Amino acid sequence: MLYVTRREVFSAAHRLHNPELTDEENARLFGKCNNPNWHGHNYTLEVVVAGKINPTTGYVIDINNLKKIIRKNVIEKLDHKNLNTDVEFLRGVIPSSENIAKAIWDELEDKIPEGKLYSVKIYETENNYVEYKGE
């Protein structure tokens, strides 16, 4: 099995806030990430596709095609957006890195034409990331 990774970056704002909790509970639970005026990150996204080499192309997946799929279905929807208010596929979800990774998986899973989506990794900072590999 081979693994092909495409890396993309996007910038976005969000607020970690659970509307079912009080403002005080949210502040205690999420700290500075609960800032009512939002805060932002320069995210790095890694999408990994697993598969066998196609003998006709020598590819697991055409990386240029993968780039277009990720940009159309994810980056264009997230980049320079407010994740709490502007992104349909995150509507009603606390936009933690965990939830963002799962939502991106859901956006991409049925759009990968060759190989199989193996993982989605989101770096919120250079030191913190989450990785989702499906259910």
Protein backbone atom coordinates (compact mmCIF):
# COMPACT_ATOMS: atom_id res chain seq x y z
CA MET A 1 0.00 0.00 0.00
CA LEU A 2 1.26 3.48 -0.88
CA TYR A 3 0.23 6.76 0.72
CA VAL A 4 0.08 10.03 -1.20
CA THR A 5 -0.17 13.28 0.76
CA ARG A 6 -1.32 16.68 -0.46
CA ARG A 7 -0.72 19.66 1.82
CA GLU A 8 -2.75 22.87 1.64
CA VAL A 9 -2.98 25.92 3.89
CA PHE A 10 -5.84 28.20 4.82
CA SER A 11 -6.48 31.02 7.25
CA ALA A 12 -9.71 31.23 9.21
CA ALA A 13 -11.29 32.64 12.33
CA HIS A 14 -13.40 30.78 14.86
CA ARG A 15 -14.71 30.77 18.38
CA LEU A 16 -14.97 27.69 20.53
CA HIS A 17 -18.37 28.12 22.14
CA ASN A 18 -21.12 25.71 23.11
CA PRO A 19 -24.50 27.51 23.03
CA GLU A 20 -25.90 24.99 25.53
CA LEU A 21 -23.52 26.31 28.21
CA THR A 22 -23.47 29.63 30.01
CA ASP A 23 -20.96 32.31 29.05
CA GLU A 24 -19.11 31.59 32.29
CA GLU A 25 -18.96 27.84 31.58
CA ASN A 26 -17.74 28.49 28.03
CA ALA A 27 -15.05 30.88 29.26
CA ARG A 28 -13.89 28.34 31.83
CA LEU A 29 -13.93 25.43 29.37
CA PHE A 30 -12.41 27.13 26.30
CA GLY A 31 -10.38 29.99 27.81
CA LYS A 32 -9.01 32.48 25.27
CA CYS A 33 -10.41 30.36 22.42
CA ASN A 34 -13.87 31.53 23.57
CA ASN A 35 -13.12 35.18 22.74
CA PRO A 36 -16.48 36.65 21.64
CA ASN A 37 -14.63 38.65 18.97
CA TRP A 38 -13.17 35.46 17.45
CA HIS A 39 -9.54 34.51 16.95
CA GLY A 40 -7.71 33.08 13.96
CA HIS A 41 -5.24 30.46 12.83
CA ASN A 42 -3.13 29.74 9.80
CA TYR A 43 -4.11 26.10 9.39
CA THR A 44 -2.22 23.42 7.50
CA LEU A 45 -4.26 20.59 6.04
CA GLU A 46 -2.80 17.25 4.95
CA VAL A 47 -4.97 14.84 2.98
CA VAL A 48 -3.62 11.32 2.55
CA VAL A 49 -4.89 8.91 -0.10
CA ALA A 50 -3.92 5.23 0.09
CA GLY A 51 -3.84 2.80 -2.78
CA LYS A 52 -1.92 0.73 -5.24
CA ILE A 53 -0.01 2.10 -8.18
CA ASN A 54 -2.00 2.23 -11.39
CA PRO A 55 0.29 0.54 -13.95
CA THR A 56 -0.96 2.82 -16.75
CA THR A 57 -0.13 6.09 -14.97
CA GLY A 58 2.36 5.09 -12.28
CA TYR A 59 0.17 7.03 -9.81
CA VAL A 60 -1.91 6.07 -6.82
CA ILE A 61 -3.85 9.26 -7.61
CA ASP A 62 -3.09 12.14 -9.94
CA ILE A 63 -1.78 14.71 -7.41
CA ASN A 64 -2.92 17.61 -9.59
CA ASN A 65 -6.44 16.22 -9.59
CA LEU A 66 -6.27 15.70 -5.82
CA LYS A 67 -5.18 19.34 -5.42
CA LYS A 68 -8.18 20.53 -7.45
CA ILE A 69 -10.59 18.35 -5.44
CA ILE A 70 -9.27 19.66 -2.11
CA ARG A 71 -9.26 23.28 -3.20
CA LYS A 72 -12.78 23.16 -4.67
CA ASN A 73 -14.43 21.20 -1.87
CA VAL A 74 -12.51 22.46 1.16
CA ILE A 75 -10.03 25.32 0.79
CA GLU A 76 -12.34 27.65 -1.18
CA LYS A 77 -15.00 27.13 1.51
CA LEU A 78 -12.68 27.66 4.52
CA ASP A 79 -9.98 30.15 3.53
CA HIS A 80 -10.45 33.61 5.06
CA LYS A 81 -13.80 32.61 6.51
CA ASN A 82 -15.38 32.58 9.94
CA LEU A 83 -15.77 28.87 10.65
CA ASN A 84 -18.70 29.47 13.02
CA THR A 85 -20.81 31.50 10.59
CA ASP A 86 -19.58 31.22 6.99
CA VAL A 87 -19.04 27.50 6.35
CA GLU A 88 -22.10 25.43 5.54
CA PHE A 89 -20.47 22.08 6.30
CA LEU A 90 -19.53 23.30 9.81
CA ARG A 91 -22.92 24.82 10.61
CA GLY A 92 -24.04 23.88 14.13
CA VAL A 93 -20.68 22.32 15.03
CA ILE A 94 -18.17 23.62 17.57
CA PRO A 95 -15.24 24.31 15.18
CA SER A 96 -12.54 22.52 17.14
CA SER A 97 -9.71 21.02 15.12
CA GLU A 98 -11.23 17.60 15.77
CA ASN A 99 -14.58 18.61 14.31
CA ILE A 100 -12.94 20.43 11.39
CA ALA A 101 -10.91 17.32 10.47
CA LYS A 102 -14.00 15.09 10.58
CA ALA A 103 -16.05 17.58 8.53
CA ILE A 104 -13.31 17.80 5.89
CA TRP A 105 -13.23 13.99 5.73
CA ASP A 106 -16.99 13.98 5.14
CA GLU A 107 -16.59 16.58 2.37
CA LEU A 108 -13.87 14.59 0.58
CA GLU A 109 -14.61 10.92 1.20
CA ASP A 110 -16.87 10.32 -1.80
CA LYS A 111 -14.94 12.65 -4.13
CA ILE A 112 -11.63 10.75 -4.30
CA PRO A 113 -11.66 9.03 -7.72
CA GLU A 114 -8.59 6.83 -7.29
CA GLY A 115 -7.31 5.10 -4.19
CA LYS A 116 -9.12 5.62 -0.90
CA LEU A 117 -9.12 8.53 1.52
CA TYR A 118 -6.82 7.40 4.33
CA SER A 119 -6.54 10.41 6.65
CA VAL A 120 -7.16 14.10 7.16
CA LYS A 121 -4.72 15.96 9.37
CA ILE A 122 -5.27 19.53 10.57
CA TYR A 123 -2.45 21.56 12.11
CA GLU A 124 -3.95 24.42 14.11
CA THR A 125 -0.46 25.48 15.13
CA GLU A 126 2.95 24.08 14.27
CA ASN A 127 2.83 22.17 17.58
CA ASN A 128 -0.79 20.97 17.64
CA TYR A 129 -2.58 18.79 15.15
CA VAL A 130 -5.36 16.24 14.94
CA GLU A 131 -5.67 13.36 12.54
CA TYR A 132 -8.90 11.66 11.47
CA LYS A 133 -8.97 8.28 9.70
CA GLY A 134 -12.67 7.67 9.37
CA GLU A 135 -14.93 5.63 11.58
